[in-house]
Amino acid sequence: MPYLLLDGGAIVDSEHWSPEARSVVAAIFRLEHHRGSREAVELIGLLARRLEAPDQTRLRRHFAIWIKRVLLPNWIPESEGTEWQNLNELNEVHNMLAERAKRWSEQWKQQGLEEGLKQGREEGRKEGREEGRKQGRQEGLLESEQKGEQKARLEVARNMIERTQLDDQTVADLSGLDIAQVRTLRDELKR
């Protein structure tokens, strides 16, 4: 496929080219670096108007193909990709783009919201898991401490029962155990 290499800056600034040609070339280069769908629609409209002469039919088709193959894949949602393949005229591309571009910003906004919510939920779950682990460790430490303290109380009570003649209430008071626990321990030691 033959091609023509153009220096956009040289053409746009040169007086050797007609204002119409400079306008078309400027529109093409601006289209490649457009700042939003509205600007892209305006530039394609400008190209369509500048190239409306019957002898420029082939050029309009080439621009339509170039826009479909090079620019549109980056602009349009994947769900609409196949609809554009049947367009062969620059005016058709412009009209469809003008109609659809209005909806795209809403779709992109919705996609952004959905992705933000998804990311927020993932981060929330991650933070929740971390917080749960932290709380679990703290509860585990507390439980371990409580079990250790209980074990120590039982050991003190066992020693008092085995080595002294203290009654169950006094052993309970000194060890910090419940009186029922002291009686159960005394019964176990007698066996």
C-alpha atoms as a PDB file:
ATOM      1  CA  MET A   1       0.000   0.000   0.000  1.00  0.00           C
ATOM      2  CA  PRO A   2       1.610   3.297  -1.038  1.00  0.00           C
ATOM      3  CA  TYR A   3       1.873   6.085   1.481  1.00  0.00           C
ATOM      4  CA  LEU A   4       2.878   9.700   1.641  1.00  0.00           C
ATOM      5  CA  LEU A   5       5.078  10.974   4.450  1.00  0.00           C
ATOM      6  CA  LEU A   6       4.015  14.437   5.591  1.00  0.00           C
ATOM      7  CA  ASP A   7       5.687  16.894   7.911  1.00  0.00           C
ATOM      8  CA  GLY A   8       2.599  18.309   9.565  1.00  0.00           C
ATOM      9  CA  GLY A   9       4.332  21.348  11.030  1.00  0.00           C
ATOM     10  CA  ALA A  10       5.947  22.288   7.705  1.00  0.00           C
ATOM     11  CA  ILE A  11       2.677  21.993   5.798  1.00  0.00           C
ATOM     12  CA  VAL A  12       0.560  23.900   8.308  1.00  0.00           C
ATOM     13  CA  ASP A  13       3.094  26.760   8.424  1.00  0.00           C
ATOM     14  CA  SER A  14       3.927  26.817   4.693  1.00  0.00           C
ATOM     15  CA  GLU A  15       2.358  29.305   2.285  1.00  0.00           C
ATOM     16  CA  HIS A  16       2.963  26.889  -0.629  1.00  0.00           C
ATOM     17  CA  TRP A  17      -0.059  24.875   0.442  1.00  0.00           C
ATOM     18  CA  SER A  18      -3.595  26.178   0.089  1.00  0.00           C
ATOM     19  CA  PRO A  19      -5.428  27.188   3.270  1.00  0.00           C
ATOM     20  CA  GLU A  20      -7.829  24.292   2.654  1.00  0.00           C
ATOM     21  CA  ALA A  21      -4.973  21.752   2.432  1.00  0.00           C
ATOM     22  CA  ARG A  22      -3.325  23.232   5.532  1.00  0.00           C
ATOM     23  CA  SER A  23      -6.628  23.015   7.363  1.00  0.00           C
ATOM     24  CA  VAL A  24      -7.062  19.317   6.439  1.00  0.00           C
ATOM     25  CA  VAL A  25      -3.511  18.440   7.454  1.00  0.00           C
ATOM     26  CA  ALA A  26      -3.856  20.358  10.725  1.00  0.00           C
ATOM     27  CA  ALA A  27      -7.136  18.542  11.439  1.00  0.00           C
ATOM     28  CA  ILE A  28      -5.489  15.152  10.836  1.00  0.00           C
ATOM     29  CA  PHE A  29      -2.621  15.858  13.210  1.00  0.00           C
ATOM     30  CA  ARG A  30      -4.951  17.334  15.809  1.00  0.00           C
ATOM     31  CA  LEU A  31      -7.180  14.273  15.465  1.00  0.00           C
ATOM     32  CA  GLU A  32      -4.276  11.998  16.353  1.00  0.00           C
ATOM     33  CA  HIS A  33      -3.702  14.019  19.533  1.00  0.00           C
ATOM     34  CA  HIS A  34      -7.255  15.058  20.391  1.00  0.00           C
ATOM     35  CA  ARG A  35      -8.216  15.848  23.978  1.00  0.00           C
ATOM     36  CA  GLY A  36     -11.671  14.345  24.109  1.00  0.00           C
ATOM     37  CA  SER A  37     -14.512  12.803  22.158  1.00  0.00           C
ATOM     38  CA  ARG A  38     -16.115  16.199  21.449  1.00  0.00           C
ATOM     39  CA  GLU A  39     -12.934  17.485  19.810  1.00  0.00           C
ATOM     40  CA  ALA A  40     -12.579  14.259  17.803  1.00  0.00           C
ATOM     41  CA  VAL A  41     -16.151  14.576  16.503  1.00  0.00           C
ATOM     42  CA  GLU A  42     -15.531  18.206  15.511  1.00  0.00           C
ATOM     43  CA  LEU A  43     -12.293  17.350  13.708  1.00  0.00           C
ATOM     44  CA  ILE A  44     -13.854  14.449  11.783  1.00  0.00           C
ATOM     45  CA  GLY A  45     -16.715  16.778  10.850  1.00  0.00           C
ATOM     46  CA  LEU A  46     -14.194  19.343   9.608  1.00  0.00           C
ATOM     47  CA  LEU A  47     -12.450  16.682   7.520  1.00  0.00           C
ATOM     48  CA  ALA A  48     -15.776  15.520   6.076  1.00  0.00           C
ATOM     49  CA  ARG A  49     -16.715  19.093   5.104  1.00  0.00           C
ATOM     50  CA  ARG A  50     -13.284  19.887   3.611  1.00  0.00           C
ATOM     51  CA  LEU A  51     -13.303  16.674   1.581  1.00  0.00           C
ATOM     52  CA  GLU A  52     -16.885  16.753   0.306  1.00  0.00           C
ATOM     53  CA  ALA A  53     -16.017  17.279  -3.376  1.00  0.00           C
ATOM     54  CA  PRO A  54     -16.920  14.296  -5.616  1.00  0.00           C
ATOM     55  CA  ASP A  55     -13.289  13.861  -6.711  1.00  0.00           C
ATOM     56  CA  GLN A  56     -12.307  13.288  -3.051  1.00  0.00           C
ATOM     57  CA  THR A  57     -14.549  10.255  -2.520  1.00  0.00           C
ATOM     58  CA  ARG A  58     -11.599   7.902  -2.446  1.00  0.00           C
ATOM     59  CA  LEU A  59      -9.742  10.099   0.041  1.00  0.00           C
ATOM     60  CA  ARG A  60     -12.822  10.235   2.299  1.00  0.00           C
ATOM     61  CA  ARG A  61     -13.002   6.433   2.253  1.00  0.00           C
ATOM     62  CA  HIS A  62      -9.314   6.147   3.094  1.00  0.00           C
ATOM     63  CA  PHE A  63      -9.795   8.494   6.049  1.00  0.00           C
ATOM     64  CA  ALA A  64     -12.841   6.495   7.182  1.00  0.00           C
ATOM     65  CA  ILE A  65     -10.758   3.281   7.064  1.00  0.00           C
ATOM     66  CA  TRP A  66      -7.864   4.952   8.890  1.00  0.00           C
ATOM     67  CA  ILE A  67     -10.170   6.238  11.617  1.00  0.00           C
ATOM     68  CA  LYS A  68     -11.848   2.820  11.984  1.00  0.00           C
ATOM     69  CA  ARG A  69      -8.585   0.878  12.126  1.00  0.00           C
ATOM     70  CA  VAL A  70      -6.307   3.249  14.004  1.00  0.00           C
ATOM     71  CA  LEU A  71      -8.325   5.640  16.132  1.00  0.00           C
ATOM     72  CA  LEU A  72     -11.662   4.004  16.931  1.00  0.00           C
ATOM     73  CA  PRO A  73     -10.292   0.864  18.614  1.00  0.00           C
ATOM     74  CA  ASN A  74      -8.921   3.131  21.357  1.00  0.00           C
ATOM     75  CA  TRP A  75     -12.067   5.239  21.627  1.00  0.00           C
ATOM     76  CA  ILE A  76     -15.076   2.977  21.453  1.00  0.00           C
ATOM     77  CA  PRO A  77     -16.328   0.464  24.010  1.00  0.00           C
ATOM     78  CA  GLU A  78     -15.632  -3.157  23.056  1.00  0.00           C
ATOM     79  CA  SER A  79     -19.355  -3.880  22.857  1.00  0.00           C
ATOM     80  CA  GLU A  80     -19.702  -1.502  19.892  1.00  0.00           C
ATOM     81  CA  GLY A  81     -16.648  -2.587  17.898  1.00  0.00           C
ATOM     82  CA  THR A  82     -18.419  -4.613  15.207  1.00  0.00           C
ATOM     83  CA  GLU A  83     -20.987  -1.937  14.359  1.00  0.00           C
ATOM     84  CA  TRP A  84     -18.301   0.368  13.012  1.00  0.00           C
ATOM     85  CA  GLN A  85     -16.876  -2.111  10.526  1.00  0.00           C
ATOM     86  CA  ASN A  86     -19.679  -1.496   8.010  1.00  0.00           C
ATOM     87  CA  LEU A  87     -19.031   2.233   7.771  1.00  0.00           C
ATOM     88  CA  ASN A  88     -17.083   3.221   4.660  1.00  0.00           C
ATOM     89  CA  GLU A  89     -17.768   6.928   4.336  1.00  0.00           C
ATOM     90  CA  LEU A  90     -16.248   9.665   6.437  1.00  0.00           C
ATOM     91  CA  ASN A  91     -19.679  11.287   6.882  1.00  0.00           C
ATOM     92  CA  GLU A  92     -21.082   7.997   8.210  1.00  0.00           C
ATOM     93  CA  VAL A  93     -18.231   7.710  10.697  1.00  0.00           C
ATOM     94  CA  HIS A  94     -18.741  11.324  11.758  1.00  0.00           C
ATOM     95  CA  ASN A  95     -22.512  10.972  12.195  1.00  0.00           C
ATOM     96  CA  MET A  96     -22.287   7.733  14.148  1.00  0.00           C
ATOM     97  CA  LEU A  97     -19.454   9.068  16.291  1.00  0.00           C
ATOM     98  CA  ALA A  98     -21.413  12.269  17.030  1.00  0.00           C
ATOM     99  CA  GLU A  99     -24.406  10.179  18.094  1.00  0.00           C
ATOM    100  CA  ARG A 100     -22.508   7.623  20.161  1.00  0.00           C
ATOM    101  CA  ALA A 101     -19.904   9.864  21.813  1.00  0.00           C
ATOM    102  CA  LYS A 102     -22.607  11.425  23.984  1.00  0.00           C
ATOM    103  CA  ARG A 103     -23.331   8.033  25.553  1.00  0.00           C
ATOM    104  CA  TRP A 104     -19.701   7.023  25.966  1.00  0.00           C
ATOM    105  CA  SER A 105     -18.892   9.588  28.606  1.00  0.00           C
ATOM    106  CA  GLU A 106     -21.759   8.219  30.702  1.00  0.00           C
ATOM    107  CA  GLN A 107     -20.574   4.636  30.079  1.00  0.00           C
ATOM    108  CA  TRP A 108     -17.012   5.556  31.021  1.00  0.00           C
ATOM    109  CA  LYS A 109     -18.243   7.314  34.145  1.00  0.00           C
ATOM    110  CA  GLN A 110     -20.281   4.229  35.082  1.00  0.00           C
ATOM    111  CA  GLN A 111     -17.299   1.946  34.412  1.00  0.00           C
ATOM    112  CA  GLY A 112     -15.126   4.176  36.584  1.00  0.00           C
ATOM    113  CA  LEU A 113     -17.666   4.034  39.383  1.00  0.00           C
ATOM    114  CA  GLU A 114     -17.939   0.253  39.126  1.00  0.00           C
ATOM    115  CA  GLU A 115     -14.167  -0.171  39.106  1.00  0.00           C
ATOM    116  CA  GLY A 116     -13.859   2.232  42.044  1.00  0.00           C
ATOM    117  CA  LEU A 117     -16.489   0.305  43.994  1.00  0.00           C
ATOM    118  CA  LYS A 118     -14.810  -2.989  43.181  1.00  0.00           C
ATOM    119  CA  GLN A 119     -11.433  -1.675  44.248  1.00  0.00           C
ATOM    120  CA  GLY A 120     -12.959  -0.167  47.394  1.00  0.00           C
ATOM    121  CA  ARG A 121     -14.594  -3.466  48.288  1.00  0.00           C
ATOM    122  CA  GLU A 122     -11.329  -5.335  47.726  1.00  0.00           C
ATOM    123  CA  GLU A 123      -9.410  -2.872  49.876  1.00  0.00           C
ATOM    124  CA  GLY A 124     -12.150  -3.040  52.514  1.00  0.00           C
ATOM    125  CA  ARG A 125     -11.984  -6.830  52.555  1.00  0.00           C
ATOM    126  CA  LYS A 126      -8.215  -6.725  52.822  1.00  0.00           C
ATOM    127  CA  GLU A 127      -8.361  -4.209  55.673  1.00  0.00           C
ATOM    128  CA  GLY A 128     -11.116  -6.256  57.304  1.00  0.00           C
ATOM    129  CA  ARG A 129      -9.022  -9.403  57.107  1.00  0.00           C
ATOM    130  CA  GLU A 130      -6.033  -7.559  58.550  1.00  0.00           C
ATOM    131  CA  GLU A 131      -8.163  -6.109  61.327  1.00  0.00           C
ATOM    132  CA  GLY A 132      -9.667  -9.551  61.973  1.00  0.00           C
ATOM    133  CA  ARG A 133      -6.218 -11.115  62.181  1.00  0.00           C
ATOM    134  CA  LYS A 134      -5.029  -8.394  64.508  1.00  0.00           C
ATOM    135  CA  GLN A 135      -8.098  -8.736  66.699  1.00  0.00           C
ATOM    136  CA  GLY A 136      -7.745 -12.521  66.630  1.00  0.00           C
ATOM    137  CA  ARG A 137      -4.125 -12.284  67.732  1.00  0.00           C
ATOM    138  CA  GLN A 138      -5.082  -9.908  70.522  1.00  0.00           C
ATOM    139  CA  GLU A 139      -7.932 -12.175  71.617  1.00  0.00           C
ATOM    140  CA  GLY A 140      -5.614 -15.168  71.387  1.00  0.00           C
ATOM    141  CA  LEU A 141      -3.033 -13.436  73.543  1.00  0.00           C
ATOM    142  CA  LEU A 142      -5.696 -12.436  76.033  1.00  0.00           C
ATOM    143  CA  GLU A 143      -7.067 -15.967  76.076  1.00  0.00           C
ATOM    144  CA  SER A 144      -3.547 -17.353  76.533  1.00  0.00           C
ATOM    145  CA  GLU A 145      -2.915 -14.949  79.370  1.00  0.00           C
ATOM    146  CA  GLN A 146      -6.208 -15.899  80.979  1.00  0.00           C
ATOM    147  CA  LYS A 147      -5.456 -19.619  80.594  1.00  0.00           C
ATOM    148  CA  GLY A 148      -1.984 -19.050  82.017  1.00  0.00           C
ATOM    149  CA  GLU A 149      -3.400 -17.156  84.960  1.00  0.00           C
ATOM    150  CA  GLN A 150      -6.017 -19.859  85.546  1.00  0.00           C
ATOM    151  CA  LYS A 151      -3.338 -22.527  85.380  1.00  0.00           C
ATOM    152  CA  ALA A 152      -1.211 -20.581  87.880  1.00  0.00           C
ATOM    153  CA  ARG A 153      -4.188 -20.167  90.259  1.00  0.00           C
ATOM    154  CA  LEU A 154      -4.896 -23.892  90.081  1.00  0.00           C
ATOM    155  CA  GLU A 155      -1.243 -24.649  90.815  1.00  0.00           C
ATOM    156  CA  VAL A 156      -1.253 -22.278  93.849  1.00  0.00           C
ATOM    157  CA  ALA A 157      -4.486 -23.848  95.117  1.00  0.00           C
ATOM    158  CA  ARG A 158      -3.078 -27.373  94.592  1.00  0.00           C
ATOM    159  CA  ASN A 159       0.031 -26.474  96.596  1.00  0.00           C
ATOM    160  CA  MET A 160      -2.074 -24.975  99.419  1.00  0.00           C
ATOM    161  CA  ILE A 161      -4.323 -28.026  99.581  1.00  0.00           C
ATOM    162  CA  GLU A 162      -1.363 -30.464  99.560  1.00  0.00           C
ATOM    163  CA  ARG A 163       0.883 -28.522 101.998  1.00  0.00           C
ATOM    164  CA  THR A 164      -1.494 -26.786 104.420  1.00  0.00           C
ATOM    165  CA  GLN A 165      -4.592 -27.415 106.437  1.00  0.00           C
ATOM    166  CA  LEU A 166      -6.442 -24.354 105.077  1.00  0.00           C
ATOM    167  CA  ASP A 167     -10.171 -24.684 104.467  1.00  0.00           C
ATOM    168  CA  ASP A 168     -11.636 -24.418 100.949  1.00  0.00           C
ATOM    169  CA  GLN A 169     -12.901 -20.833 101.392  1.00  0.00           C
ATOM    170  CA  THR A 170      -9.457 -19.575 102.469  1.00  0.00           C
ATOM    171  CA  VAL A 171      -7.759 -21.412  99.576  1.00  0.00           C
ATOM    172  CA  ALA A 172     -10.301 -19.868  97.195  1.00  0.00           C
ATOM    173  CA  ASP A 173      -9.737 -16.380  98.611  1.00  0.00           C
ATOM    174  CA  LEU A 174      -5.938 -16.639  98.430  1.00  0.00           C
ATOM    175  CA  SER A 175      -5.727 -18.286  95.002  1.00  0.00           C
ATOM    176  CA  GLY A 176      -8.449 -16.262  93.292  1.00  0.00           C
ATOM    177  CA  LEU A 177     -10.407 -19.365  92.333  1.00  0.00           C
ATOM    178  CA  ASP A 178     -14.089 -19.982  92.805  1.00  0.00           C
ATOM    179  CA  ILE A 179     -14.928 -22.113  95.863  1.00  0.00           C
ATOM    180  CA  ALA A 180     -16.467 -24.775  93.604  1.00  0.00           C
ATOM    181  CA  GLN A 181     -13.191 -25.040  91.699  1.00  0.00           C
ATOM    182  CA  VAL A 182     -11.268 -25.481  94.961  1.00  0.00           C
ATOM    183  CA  ARG A 183     -13.656 -28.284  96.092  1.00  0.00           C
ATOM    184  CA  THR A 184     -13.324 -30.030  92.701  1.00  0.00           C
ATOM    185  CA  LEU A 185      -9.538 -29.776  92.899  1.00  0.00           C
ATOM    186  CA  ARG A 186      -9.518 -31.146  96.484  1.00  0.00           C
ATOM    187  CA  ASP A 187     -11.695 -34.120  95.342  1.00  0.00           C
ATOM    188  CA  GLU A 188      -9.329 -34.831  92.435  1.00  0.00           C
ATOM    189  CA  LEU A 189      -6.288 -34.784  94.696  1.00  0.00           C
ATOM    190  CA  LYS A 190      -7.890 -37.300  97.120  1.00  0.00           C
ATOM    191  CA  ARG A 191      -8.254 -39.898  94.372  1.00  0.00           C
END
